[in-house]
């Protein structure tokens, strides 16, 4: 089993159906409309959001969030992962009635539990939600910069890519950058290549979440490759959301051949009937990647990780470097 690493996963979206069923029982909620035969049920973006909101709403306490992070990272480790970064959103903390700090600290406790049990390393990336507006994203950046949790090592922006102009959010990223946090931003998923170009122009990220629509512009592909910006690719998610119709159409291999730094990630895994292991398996099956090529993808992820030099060196050593 190849060793794996993941840079792009929304922690509320990583709650497995079995865990959600346990939480529903705990809080007396009816999961019937949302889970059938051990899988989430949705058929379009609106129904996807309904299931997502139902599941996320079942994590209400600090112990719930610790359990969520522990459950997910432990499952990753079982499938051969040695490193995980999870996106965390202070907006979810507010909906749960928790302070952003209590929320982050609880998730950090779950990461620590998984590490102590399995050896997997984990870190957190605070994300602002683009559709919540500039002020909300800057508030998330200030929290990330000042929260004092050593496991918070990055800042990014997620949410509806169709809302707002990236240049309006520049100050949020500068707040995070000045605090020494790694910078990533969702771009080039639902929107076209122009979204990726705007990210490079205005945000200057180390990584781009998705970024695959860059393939629509050969000059931009060359720019991405030349910049060294790492793409957090999520093929299974892209296909589930009809960004591309199938693996044969997915540009991951073409981006890789063009010299772009690409990684494999699961995004919101149980909703898209995937996992990090399935993404690696699909890359082997559909992209023709052998064990050495998959190991190189893991190495790219570790080298791009928002983690201290000592931990990164230890992780690379586990890969045989």
C-alpha atoms as a PDB file:
ATOM      1  CA  UNK A   1       0.000   0.000   0.000  1.00  0.00           C
ATOM      2  CA  UNK A   2       1.570   3.341  -1.037  1.00  0.00           C
ATOM      3  CA  UNK A   3       1.990   5.978   1.635  1.00  0.00           C
ATOM      4  CA  UNK A   4      -0.358   8.914   1.165  1.00  0.00           C
ATOM      5  CA  UNK A   5      -0.810  12.526   2.192  1.00  0.00           C
ATOM      6  CA  UNK A   6      -3.801  14.864   1.875  1.00  0.00           C
ATOM      7  CA  UNK A   7      -3.884  18.649   1.657  1.00  0.00           C
ATOM      8  CA  UNK A   8      -7.513  19.362   0.770  1.00  0.00           C
ATOM      9  CA  UNK A   9     -10.380  18.103   2.917  1.00  0.00           C
ATOM     10  CA  UNK A  10     -13.228  19.986   4.598  1.00  0.00           C
ATOM     11  CA  UNK A  11     -13.537  18.416   8.029  1.00  0.00           C
ATOM     12  CA  UNK A  12     -17.324  18.774   8.346  1.00  0.00           C
ATOM     13  CA  UNK A  13     -17.572  17.191   4.902  1.00  0.00           C
ATOM     14  CA  UNK A  14     -15.426  14.260   6.044  1.00  0.00           C
ATOM     15  CA  UNK A  15     -17.948  12.954   8.567  1.00  0.00           C
ATOM     16  CA  UNK A  16     -18.631   9.377   7.485  1.00  0.00           C
ATOM     17  CA  UNK A  17     -22.260   8.169   7.329  1.00  0.00           C
ATOM     18  CA  UNK A  18     -21.733   5.729  10.217  1.00  0.00           C
ATOM     19  CA  UNK A  19     -20.459   8.552  12.414  1.00  0.00           C
ATOM     20  CA  UNK A  20     -23.339  10.815  11.360  1.00  0.00           C
ATOM     21  CA  UNK A  21     -25.825   8.060  12.241  1.00  0.00           C
ATOM     22  CA  UNK A  22     -24.285   7.804  15.717  1.00  0.00           C
ATOM     23  CA  UNK A  23     -24.509  11.575  16.139  1.00  0.00           C
ATOM     24  CA  UNK A  24     -28.130  11.570  14.947  1.00  0.00           C
ATOM     25  CA  UNK A  25     -28.961   8.944  17.560  1.00  0.00           C
ATOM     26  CA  UNK A  26     -27.145  10.989  20.208  1.00  0.00           C
ATOM     27  CA  UNK A  27     -29.190  14.116  19.436  1.00  0.00           C
ATOM     28  CA  UNK A  28     -32.498  12.461  18.524  1.00  0.00           C
ATOM     29  CA  UNK A  29     -32.406  13.577  14.883  1.00  0.00           C
ATOM     30  CA  UNK A  30     -33.997  11.663  12.013  1.00  0.00           C
ATOM     31  CA  UNK A  31     -31.384  10.794   9.364  1.00  0.00           C
ATOM     32  CA  UNK A  32     -33.830   8.923   7.114  1.00  0.00           C
ATOM     33  CA  UNK A  33     -34.074  11.490   4.295  1.00  0.00           C
ATOM     34  CA  UNK A  34     -30.310  11.928   4.132  1.00  0.00           C
ATOM     35  CA  UNK A  35     -28.697   8.495   4.520  1.00  0.00           C
ATOM     36  CA  UNK A  36     -29.713   5.289   2.774  1.00  0.00           C
ATOM     37  CA  UNK A  37     -27.848   1.967   2.724  1.00  0.00           C
ATOM     38  CA  UNK A  38     -24.887   3.513   4.520  1.00  0.00           C
ATOM     39  CA  UNK A  39     -24.436   6.364   2.028  1.00  0.00           C
ATOM     40  CA  UNK A  40     -25.466  10.008   1.795  1.00  0.00           C
ATOM     41  CA  UNK A  41     -28.360  10.665  -0.592  1.00  0.00           C
ATOM     42  CA  UNK A  42     -28.294  13.732  -2.858  1.00  0.00           C
ATOM     43  CA  UNK A  43     -28.886  14.395  -6.543  1.00  0.00           C
ATOM     44  CA  UNK A  44     -28.016  18.049  -7.156  1.00  0.00           C
ATOM     45  CA  UNK A  45     -26.140  20.885  -5.457  1.00  0.00           C
ATOM     46  CA  UNK A  46     -29.180  21.980  -3.454  1.00  0.00           C
ATOM     47  CA  UNK A  47     -29.796  18.498  -2.038  1.00  0.00           C
ATOM     48  CA  UNK A  48     -26.057  18.094  -1.439  1.00  0.00           C
ATOM     49  CA  UNK A  49     -26.111  21.241   0.721  1.00  0.00           C
ATOM     50  CA  UNK A  50     -29.174  19.962   2.609  1.00  0.00           C
ATOM     51  CA  UNK A  51     -27.399  16.708   3.527  1.00  0.00           C
ATOM     52  CA  UNK A  52     -24.185  18.562   4.341  1.00  0.00           C
ATOM     53  CA  UNK A  53     -25.969  21.030   6.635  1.00  0.00           C
ATOM     54  CA  UNK A  54     -27.881  18.235   8.383  1.00  0.00           C
ATOM     55  CA  UNK A  55     -24.694  16.292   9.076  1.00  0.00           C
ATOM     56  CA  UNK A  56     -22.632  19.327  10.091  1.00  0.00           C
ATOM     57  CA  UNK A  57     -25.410  20.364  12.463  1.00  0.00           C
ATOM     58  CA  UNK A  58     -24.938  17.161  14.456  1.00  0.00           C
ATOM     59  CA  UNK A  59     -21.505  18.300  15.657  1.00  0.00           C
ATOM     60  CA  UNK A  60     -22.371  20.667  18.442  1.00  0.00           C
ATOM     61  CA  UNK A  61     -19.848  20.290  21.250  1.00  0.00           C
ATOM     62  CA  UNK A  62     -16.095  20.322  21.689  1.00  0.00           C
ATOM     63  CA  UNK A  63     -16.116  16.556  22.205  1.00  0.00           C
ATOM     64  CA  UNK A  64     -18.113  16.111  18.984  1.00  0.00           C
ATOM     65  CA  UNK A  65     -15.448  17.971  17.026  1.00  0.00           C
ATOM     66  CA  UNK A  66     -12.606  16.111  18.704  1.00  0.00           C
ATOM     67  CA  UNK A  67     -14.356  12.857  17.780  1.00  0.00           C
ATOM     68  CA  UNK A  68     -14.808  14.032  14.172  1.00  0.00           C
ATOM     69  CA  UNK A  69     -11.124  14.847  13.620  1.00  0.00           C
ATOM     70  CA  UNK A  70      -9.975  11.698  15.417  1.00  0.00           C
ATOM     71  CA  UNK A  71     -12.373   9.517  13.402  1.00  0.00           C
ATOM     72  CA  UNK A  72     -11.288  10.975  10.057  1.00  0.00           C
ATOM     73  CA  UNK A  73      -7.527  10.984  10.616  1.00  0.00           C
ATOM     74  CA  UNK A  74      -7.626   7.490  12.058  1.00  0.00           C
ATOM     75  CA  UNK A  75      -9.440   6.264   8.940  1.00  0.00           C
ATOM     76  CA  UNK A  76      -6.800   7.962   6.773  1.00  0.00           C
ATOM     77  CA  UNK A  77      -3.989   6.316   8.714  1.00  0.00           C
ATOM     78  CA  UNK A  78      -5.667   2.945   8.300  1.00  0.00           C
ATOM     79  CA  UNK A  79      -5.437   3.503   4.542  1.00  0.00           C
ATOM     80  CA  UNK A  80      -1.747   4.383   4.627  1.00  0.00           C
ATOM     81  CA  UNK A  81      -1.806   8.165   5.073  1.00  0.00           C
ATOM     82  CA  UNK A  82       0.987   9.754   7.075  1.00  0.00           C
ATOM     83  CA  UNK A  83      -0.147  13.378   6.849  1.00  0.00           C
ATOM     84  CA  UNK A  84      -3.431  15.284   6.685  1.00  0.00           C
ATOM     85  CA  UNK A  85      -4.441  18.911   6.489  1.00  0.00           C
ATOM     86  CA  UNK A  86      -8.072  19.721   7.192  1.00  0.00           C
ATOM     87  CA  UNK A  87      -9.996  22.866   6.370  1.00  0.00           C
ATOM     88  CA  UNK A  88     -11.770  24.307   9.382  1.00  0.00           C
ATOM     89  CA  UNK A  89     -14.318  27.116   9.330  1.00  0.00           C
ATOM     90  CA  UNK A  90     -15.053  29.491  12.225  1.00  0.00           C
ATOM     91  CA  UNK A  91     -18.496  29.938  10.627  1.00  0.00           C
ATOM     92  CA  UNK A  92     -19.312  26.336  11.554  1.00  0.00           C
ATOM     93  CA  UNK A  93     -18.197  27.042  15.116  1.00  0.00           C
ATOM     94  CA  UNK A  94     -20.647  29.933  15.331  1.00  0.00           C
ATOM     95  CA  UNK A  95     -23.490  27.748  14.037  1.00  0.00           C
ATOM     96  CA  UNK A  96     -22.653  25.193  16.724  1.00  0.00           C
ATOM     97  CA  UNK A  97     -22.640  27.858  19.425  1.00  0.00           C
ATOM     98  CA  UNK A  98     -18.919  27.472  20.083  1.00  0.00           C
ATOM     99  CA  UNK A  99     -16.211  30.099  20.037  1.00  0.00           C
ATOM    100  CA  UNK A 100     -13.809  29.796  17.124  1.00  0.00           C
ATOM    101  CA  UNK A 101     -11.014  29.009  19.584  1.00  0.00           C
ATOM    102  CA  UNK A 102     -12.965  26.229  21.340  1.00  0.00           C
ATOM    103  CA  UNK A 103     -13.795  24.747  17.939  1.00  0.00           C
ATOM    104  CA  UNK A 104     -10.187  24.825  16.692  1.00  0.00           C
ATOM    105  CA  UNK A 105      -8.822  23.512  19.967  1.00  0.00           C
ATOM    106  CA  UNK A 106     -11.319  20.635  19.958  1.00  0.00           C
ATOM    107  CA  UNK A 107     -10.361  19.643  16.418  1.00  0.00           C
ATOM    108  CA  UNK A 108      -6.720  19.900  17.464  1.00  0.00           C
ATOM    109  CA  UNK A 109      -7.433  17.513  20.330  1.00  0.00           C
ATOM    110  CA  UNK A 110      -8.858  15.031  17.832  1.00  0.00           C
ATOM    111  CA  UNK A 111      -5.770  15.368  15.646  1.00  0.00           C
ATOM    112  CA  UNK A 112      -3.567  14.707  18.677  1.00  0.00           C
ATOM    113  CA  UNK A 113      -5.580  11.617  19.622  1.00  0.00           C
ATOM    114  CA  UNK A 114      -5.223  10.188  16.120  1.00  0.00           C
ATOM    115  CA  UNK A 115      -1.517  10.936  16.076  1.00  0.00           C
ATOM    116  CA  UNK A 116      -0.959   9.251  19.425  1.00  0.00           C
ATOM    117  CA  UNK A 117      -2.809   6.159  18.239  1.00  0.00           C
ATOM    118  CA  UNK A 118      -1.596   5.853  14.651  1.00  0.00           C
ATOM    119  CA  UNK A 119       1.381   8.162  14.076  1.00  0.00           C
ATOM    120  CA  UNK A 120      -0.411  10.298  11.470  1.00  0.00           C
ATOM    121  CA  UNK A 121       0.516  13.991  11.520  1.00  0.00           C
ATOM    122  CA  UNK A 122      -2.246  16.545  11.096  1.00  0.00           C
ATOM    123  CA  UNK A 123      -2.574  20.298  10.729  1.00  0.00           C
ATOM    124  CA  UNK A 124      -5.451  22.756  10.267  1.00  0.00           C
ATOM    125  CA  UNK A 125      -6.126  25.414   7.635  1.00  0.00           C
ATOM    126  CA  UNK A 126      -8.629  28.070   8.676  1.00  0.00           C
ATOM    127  CA  UNK A 127     -10.875  29.025   5.762  1.00  0.00           C
ATOM    128  CA  UNK A 128     -13.060  32.037   5.197  1.00  0.00           C
ATOM    129  CA  UNK A 129     -16.185  31.542   3.101  1.00  0.00           C
ATOM    130  CA  UNK A 130     -16.071  33.667  -0.032  1.00  0.00           C
ATOM    131  CA  UNK A 131     -19.838  34.049  -0.274  1.00  0.00           C
ATOM    132  CA  UNK A 132     -19.980  35.343   3.319  1.00  0.00           C
ATOM    133  CA  UNK A 133     -18.272  38.529   2.158  1.00  0.00           C
ATOM    134  CA  UNK A 134     -14.979  40.358   2.557  1.00  0.00           C
ATOM    135  CA  UNK A 135     -15.486  41.277   6.210  1.00  0.00           C
ATOM    136  CA  UNK A 136     -16.213  37.674   7.225  1.00  0.00           C
ATOM    137  CA  UNK A 137     -13.152  36.370   5.369  1.00  0.00           C
ATOM    138  CA  UNK A 138     -10.927  38.993   7.006  1.00  0.00           C
ATOM    139  CA  UNK A 139     -12.375  38.029  10.405  1.00  0.00           C
ATOM    140  CA  UNK A 140     -11.422  34.389   9.719  1.00  0.00           C
ATOM    141  CA  UNK A 141      -7.920  35.512   8.727  1.00  0.00           C
ATOM    142  CA  UNK A 142      -7.497  37.477  11.951  1.00  0.00           C
ATOM    143  CA  UNK A 143      -8.594  34.440  13.929  1.00  0.00           C
ATOM    144  CA  UNK A 144      -6.119  32.221  12.092  1.00  0.00           C
ATOM    145  CA  UNK A 145      -3.342  34.730  12.720  1.00  0.00           C
ATOM    146  CA  UNK A 146      -4.037  35.145  16.440  1.00  0.00           C
ATOM    147  CA  UNK A 147      -5.585  31.896  17.669  1.00  0.00           C
ATOM    148  CA  UNK A 148      -2.343  30.604  19.172  1.00  0.00           C
ATOM    149  CA  UNK A 149      -2.998  26.962  18.243  1.00  0.00           C
ATOM    150  CA  UNK A 150       0.238  25.442  16.965  1.00  0.00           C
ATOM    151  CA  UNK A 151      -1.702  23.086  14.691  1.00  0.00           C
ATOM    152  CA  UNK A 152      -3.231  25.996  12.749  1.00  0.00           C
ATOM    153  CA  UNK A 153      -0.602  26.503  10.075  1.00  0.00           C
ATOM    154  CA  UNK A 154      -2.498  27.811   7.045  1.00  0.00           C
ATOM    155  CA  UNK A 155      -5.257  30.078   5.792  1.00  0.00           C
ATOM    156  CA  UNK A 156      -7.453  29.748   2.742  1.00  0.00           C
ATOM    157  CA  UNK A 157     -10.734  30.740   1.199  1.00  0.00           C
ATOM    158  CA  UNK A 158     -13.486  28.314   0.216  1.00  0.00           C
ATOM    159  CA  UNK A 159     -17.165  28.827  -0.534  1.00  0.00           C
ATOM    160  CA  UNK A 160     -18.946  29.882  -3.710  1.00  0.00           C
ATOM    161  CA  UNK A 161     -16.302  30.720  -6.284  1.00  0.00           C
ATOM    162  CA  UNK A 162     -18.863  32.637  -8.342  1.00  0.00           C
ATOM    163  CA  UNK A 163     -19.270  35.364  -5.700  1.00  0.00           C
ATOM    164  CA  UNK A 164     -17.115  38.492  -5.526  1.00  0.00           C
ATOM    165  CA  UNK A 165     -13.770  39.439  -7.055  1.00  0.00           C
ATOM    166  CA  UNK A 166     -10.607  37.903  -5.656  1.00  0.00           C
ATOM    167  CA  UNK A 167      -8.866  41.259  -5.484  1.00  0.00           C
ATOM    168  CA  UNK A 168     -11.427  42.350  -2.863  1.00  0.00           C
ATOM    169  CA  UNK A 169     -10.137  39.650  -0.487  1.00  0.00           C
ATOM    170  CA  UNK A 170      -6.432  40.481  -0.743  1.00  0.00           C
ATOM    171  CA  UNK A 171      -6.229  42.053   2.722  1.00  0.00           C
ATOM    172  CA  UNK A 172      -7.417  38.822   4.355  1.00  0.00           C
ATOM    173  CA  UNK A 173      -4.588  36.882   2.748  1.00  0.00           C
ATOM    174  CA  UNK A 174      -2.055  39.554   3.710  1.00  0.00           C
ATOM    175  CA  UNK A 175      -3.174  39.312   7.357  1.00  0.00           C
ATOM    176  CA  UNK A 176      -2.522  35.564   7.251  1.00  0.00           C
ATOM    177  CA  UNK A 177       0.739  35.896   5.313  1.00  0.00           C
ATOM    178  CA  UNK A 178       2.102  38.449   7.782  1.00  0.00           C
ATOM    179  CA  UNK A 179       1.404  35.930  10.573  1.00  0.00           C
ATOM    180  CA  UNK A 180       3.537  33.332   8.805  1.00  0.00           C
ATOM    181  CA  UNK A 181       0.661  31.108   7.713  1.00  0.00           C
ATOM    182  CA  UNK A 182       0.692  29.094   4.503  1.00  0.00           C
ATOM    183  CA  UNK A 183      -1.672  30.433   1.843  1.00  0.00           C
ATOM    184  CA  UNK A 184      -4.105  28.476  -0.313  1.00  0.00           C
ATOM    185  CA  UNK A 185      -7.289  29.465  -2.133  1.00  0.00           C
ATOM    186  CA  UNK A 186     -10.076  27.613  -3.924  1.00  0.00           C
ATOM    187  CA  UNK A 187     -10.077  28.543  -7.613  1.00  0.00           C
ATOM    188  CA  UNK A 188     -10.658  26.907 -10.972  1.00  0.00           C
ATOM    189  CA  UNK A 189     -13.333  24.447  -9.865  1.00  0.00           C
ATOM    190  CA  UNK A 190     -16.796  25.786 -10.714  1.00  0.00           C
ATOM    191  CA  UNK A 191     -15.308  28.777 -12.528  1.00  0.00           C
ATOM    192  CA  UNK A 192     -12.978  28.692 -15.517  1.00  0.00           C
ATOM    193  CA  UNK A 193      -9.314  29.402 -16.078  1.00  0.00           C
ATOM    194  CA  UNK A 194      -9.783  33.101 -15.315  1.00  0.00           C
ATOM    195  CA  UNK A 195     -10.390  32.180 -11.678  1.00  0.00           C
ATOM    196  CA  UNK A 196      -6.979  30.522 -11.454  1.00  0.00           C
ATOM    197  CA  UNK A 197      -5.313  33.492 -13.127  1.00  0.00           C
ATOM    198  CA  UNK A 198      -6.972  35.851 -10.639  1.00  0.00           C
ATOM    199  CA  UNK A 199      -5.691  33.736  -7.748  1.00  0.00           C
ATOM    200  CA  UNK A 200      -2.144  33.976  -9.056  1.00  0.00           C
ATOM    201  CA  UNK A 201      -2.470  37.700  -9.760  1.00  0.00           C
ATOM    202  CA  UNK A 202      -4.048  38.823  -6.508  1.00  0.00           C
ATOM    203  CA  UNK A 203      -3.459  36.205  -3.803  1.00  0.00           C
ATOM    204  CA  UNK A 204      -0.007  34.818  -4.693  1.00  0.00           C
ATOM    205  CA  UNK A 205      -0.792  31.481  -3.008  1.00  0.00           C
ATOM    206  CA  UNK A 206       1.606  28.620  -2.381  1.00  0.00           C
ATOM    207  CA  UNK A 207      -1.213  26.265  -3.361  1.00  0.00           C
ATOM    208  CA  UNK A 208      -4.532  26.400  -5.185  1.00  0.00           C
ATOM    209  CA  UNK A 209      -7.503  24.287  -4.170  1.00  0.00           C
ATOM    210  CA  UNK A 210      -8.570  22.440  -7.323  1.00  0.00           C
ATOM    211  CA  UNK A 211      -7.098  24.719 -10.024  1.00  0.00           C
ATOM    212  CA  UNK A 212      -7.895  22.153 -12.695  1.00  0.00           C
ATOM    213  CA  UNK A 213      -9.767  24.568 -14.971  1.00  0.00           C
ATOM    214  CA  UNK A 214      -6.366  26.075 -15.768  1.00  0.00           C
ATOM    215  CA  UNK A 215      -6.262  23.393 -18.451  1.00  0.00           C
ATOM    216  CA  UNK A 216      -8.548  25.614 -20.554  1.00  0.00           C
ATOM    217  CA  UNK A 217      -5.661  28.027 -21.209  1.00  0.00           C
ATOM    218  CA  UNK A 218      -2.272  26.589 -22.292  1.00  0.00           C
ATOM    219  CA  UNK A 219      -0.452  29.804 -21.407  1.00  0.00           C
ATOM    220  CA  UNK A 220      -1.882  29.634 -17.895  1.00  0.00           C
ATOM    221  CA  UNK A 221      -0.852  25.991 -17.553  1.00  0.00           C
ATOM    222  CA  UNK A 222       2.702  27.049 -18.374  1.00  0.00           C
ATOM    223  CA  UNK A 223       2.432  29.858 -15.833  1.00  0.00           C
ATOM    224  CA  UNK A 224       1.222  27.501 -13.105  1.00  0.00           C
ATOM    225  CA  UNK A 225       4.022  25.068 -13.878  1.00  0.00           C
ATOM    226  CA  UNK A 226       6.638  27.810 -13.897  1.00  0.00           C
ATOM    227  CA  UNK A 227       5.417  29.358 -10.648  1.00  0.00           C
ATOM    228  CA  UNK A 228       5.715  26.142  -8.669  1.00  0.00           C
ATOM    229  CA  UNK A 229       2.235  26.648  -7.210  1.00  0.00           C
ATOM    230  CA  UNK A 230       0.860  23.300  -6.072  1.00  0.00           C
ATOM    231  CA  UNK A 231      -2.588  22.185  -7.215  1.00  0.00           C
ATOM    232  CA  UNK A 232      -4.765  20.407  -4.663  1.00  0.00           C
ATOM    233  CA  UNK A 233      -6.596  18.213  -7.191  1.00  0.00           C
ATOM    234  CA  UNK A 234      -9.758  16.323  -6.237  1.00  0.00           C
ATOM    235  CA  UNK A 235     -10.702  14.199  -9.276  1.00  0.00           C
ATOM    236  CA  UNK A 236     -13.520  12.240  -7.601  1.00  0.00           C
ATOM    237  CA  UNK A 237     -15.133  15.434  -6.355  1.00  0.00           C
ATOM    238  CA  UNK A 238     -14.828  17.094  -9.774  1.00  0.00           C
ATOM    239  CA  UNK A 239     -16.586  14.177 -11.462  1.00  0.00           C
ATOM    240  CA  UNK A 240     -19.320  13.961  -8.811  1.00  0.00           C
ATOM    241  CA  UNK A 241     -20.067  17.672  -9.279  1.00  0.00           C
ATOM    242  CA  UNK A 242     -19.922  17.431 -13.106  1.00  0.00           C
ATOM    243  CA  UNK A 243     -16.900  19.686 -13.474  1.00  0.00           C
ATOM    244  CA  UNK A 244     -15.677  16.883 -15.754  1.00  0.00           C
ATOM    245  CA  UNK A 245     -17.840  13.980 -16.964  1.00  0.00           C
ATOM    246  CA  UNK A 246     -15.430  11.147 -16.128  1.00  0.00           C
ATOM    247  CA  UNK A 247     -11.854  10.237 -15.274  1.00  0.00           C
ATOM    248  CA  UNK A 248     -10.960   9.967 -18.953  1.00  0.00           C
ATOM    249  CA  UNK A 249     -11.789  13.668 -19.318  1.00  0.00           C
ATOM    250  CA  UNK A 250     -10.043  14.811 -16.156  1.00  0.00           C
ATOM    251  CA  UNK A 251      -6.946  16.961 -16.794  1.00  0.00           C
ATOM    252  CA  UNK A 252      -4.836  15.608 -13.915  1.00  0.00           C
ATOM    253  CA  UNK A 253      -2.483  13.635 -16.208  1.00  0.00           C
ATOM    254  CA  UNK A 254      -2.180  16.501 -18.682  1.00  0.00           C
ATOM    255  CA  UNK A 255      -1.397  19.017 -15.944  1.00  0.00           C
ATOM    256  CA  UNK A 256       1.204  16.649 -14.538  1.00  0.00           C
ATOM    257  CA  UNK A 257       2.813  16.134 -17.953  1.00  0.00           C
ATOM    258  CA  UNK A 258       2.955  19.907 -18.393  1.00  0.00           C
ATOM    259  CA  UNK A 259       5.095  20.177 -15.260  1.00  0.00           C
ATOM    260  CA  UNK A 260       2.444  21.344 -12.813  1.00  0.00           C
ATOM    261  CA  UNK A 261       2.829  20.172  -9.239  1.00  0.00           C
ATOM    262  CA  UNK A 262      -0.285  18.094  -8.583  1.00  0.00           C
ATOM    263  CA  UNK A 263      -1.591  16.252  -5.529  1.00  0.00           C
ATOM    264  CA  UNK A 264      -4.512  13.889  -4.866  1.00  0.00           C
ATOM    265  CA  UNK A 265      -7.207  14.792  -2.354  1.00  0.00           C
ATOM    266  CA  UNK A 266     -10.757  13.800  -1.382  1.00  0.00           C
ATOM    267  CA  UNK A 267     -12.486  17.172  -0.681  1.00  0.00           C
ATOM    268  CA  UNK A 268     -15.757  16.007   1.013  1.00  0.00           C
ATOM    269  CA  UNK A 269     -15.106  12.280   0.698  1.00  0.00           C
ATOM    270  CA  UNK A 270     -18.261  10.422   1.784  1.00  0.00           C
ATOM    271  CA  UNK A 271     -20.507  12.781  -0.176  1.00  0.00           C
ATOM    272  CA  UNK A 272     -18.670  11.940  -3.383  1.00  0.00           C
ATOM    273  CA  UNK A 273     -18.372   8.230  -2.508  1.00  0.00           C
ATOM    274  CA  UNK A 274     -14.631   8.523  -2.369  1.00  0.00           C
ATOM    275  CA  UNK A 275     -11.717   8.505   0.054  1.00  0.00           C
ATOM    276  CA  UNK A 276      -8.059   9.367  -0.204  1.00  0.00           C
ATOM    277  CA  UNK A 277      -7.342   5.686  -0.877  1.00  0.00           C
ATOM    278  CA  UNK A 278      -9.909   5.630  -3.674  1.00  0.00           C
ATOM    279  CA  UNK A 279      -8.350   8.729  -5.228  1.00  0.00           C
ATOM    280  CA  UNK A 280      -4.969   6.989  -5.319  1.00  0.00           C
ATOM    281  CA  UNK A 281      -6.576   3.799  -6.640  1.00  0.00           C
ATOM    282  CA  UNK A 282      -8.412   5.775  -9.338  1.00  0.00           C
ATOM    283  CA  UNK A 283      -5.184   7.500 -10.351  1.00  0.00           C
ATOM    284  CA  UNK A 284      -3.577   4.104 -10.813  1.00  0.00           C
ATOM    285  CA  UNK A 285      -6.530   2.729 -12.772  1.00  0.00           C
ATOM    286  CA  UNK A 286      -7.527   5.712 -14.904  1.00  0.00           C
ATOM    287  CA  UNK A 287      -4.356   7.804 -15.133  1.00  0.00           C
ATOM    288  CA  UNK A 288      -1.948   4.893 -15.514  1.00  0.00           C
ATOM    289  CA  UNK A 289       0.125   5.879 -12.479  1.00  0.00           C
ATOM    290  CA  UNK A 290       2.403   3.186 -11.075  1.00  0.00           C
ATOM    291  CA  UNK A 291       3.676   2.942  -7.495  1.00  0.00           C
ATOM    292  CA  UNK A 292       6.620   5.265  -8.170  1.00  0.00           C
ATOM    293  CA  UNK A 293       4.374   7.924  -9.715  1.00  0.00           C
ATOM    294  CA  UNK A 294       1.964   7.765  -6.775  1.00  0.00           C
ATOM    295  CA  UNK A 295       4.857   8.007  -4.326  1.00  0.00           C
ATOM    296  CA  UNK A 296       5.996  11.127  -6.185  1.00  0.00           C
ATOM    297  CA  UNK A 297       2.532  12.660  -5.724  1.00  0.00           C
ATOM    298  CA  UNK A 298       2.754  11.986  -1.983  1.00  0.00           C
ATOM    299  CA  UNK A 299       6.213  13.567  -1.914  1.00  0.00           C
ATOM    300  CA  UNK A 300       4.850  16.651  -3.680  1.00  0.00           C
ATOM    301  CA  UNK A 301       2.132  16.919  -1.029  1.00  0.00           C
ATOM    302  CA  UNK A 302       4.585  16.610   1.865  1.00  0.00           C
ATOM    303  CA  UNK A 303       6.932  19.144   0.304  1.00  0.00           C
ATOM    304  CA  UNK A 304       3.980  21.540  -0.072  1.00  0.00           C
ATOM    305  CA  UNK A 305       2.627  20.901   3.434  1.00  0.00           C
ATOM    306  CA  UNK A 306       2.107  23.834   5.773  1.00  0.00           C
ATOM    307  CA  UNK A 307       4.238  22.309   8.479  1.00  0.00           C
ATOM    308  CA  UNK A 308       7.481  23.093  10.293  1.00  0.00           C
ATOM    309  CA  UNK A 309      10.800  22.048   8.792  1.00  0.00           C
ATOM    310  CA  UNK A 310      11.542  19.372  11.369  1.00  0.00           C
ATOM    311  CA  UNK A 311       8.194  17.615  10.930  1.00  0.00           C
ATOM    312  CA  UNK A 312       8.458  17.860   7.152  1.00  0.00           C
ATOM    313  CA  UNK A 313      11.906  16.260   7.233  1.00  0.00           C
ATOM    314  CA  UNK A 314      10.570  13.428   9.390  1.00  0.00           C
ATOM    315  CA  UNK A 315       7.670  12.844   6.999  1.00  0.00           C
ATOM    316  CA  UNK A 316       9.965  12.815   3.977  1.00  0.00           C
ATOM    317  CA  UNK A 317      12.174  10.335   5.787  1.00  0.00           C
ATOM    318  CA  UNK A 318       9.159   8.040   6.121  1.00  0.00           C
ATOM    319  CA  UNK A 319       8.868   8.169   2.335  1.00  0.00           C
ATOM    320  CA  UNK A 320      12.429   6.961   2.054  1.00  0.00           C
ATOM    321  CA  UNK A 321      14.211  10.211   1.317  1.00  0.00           C
END
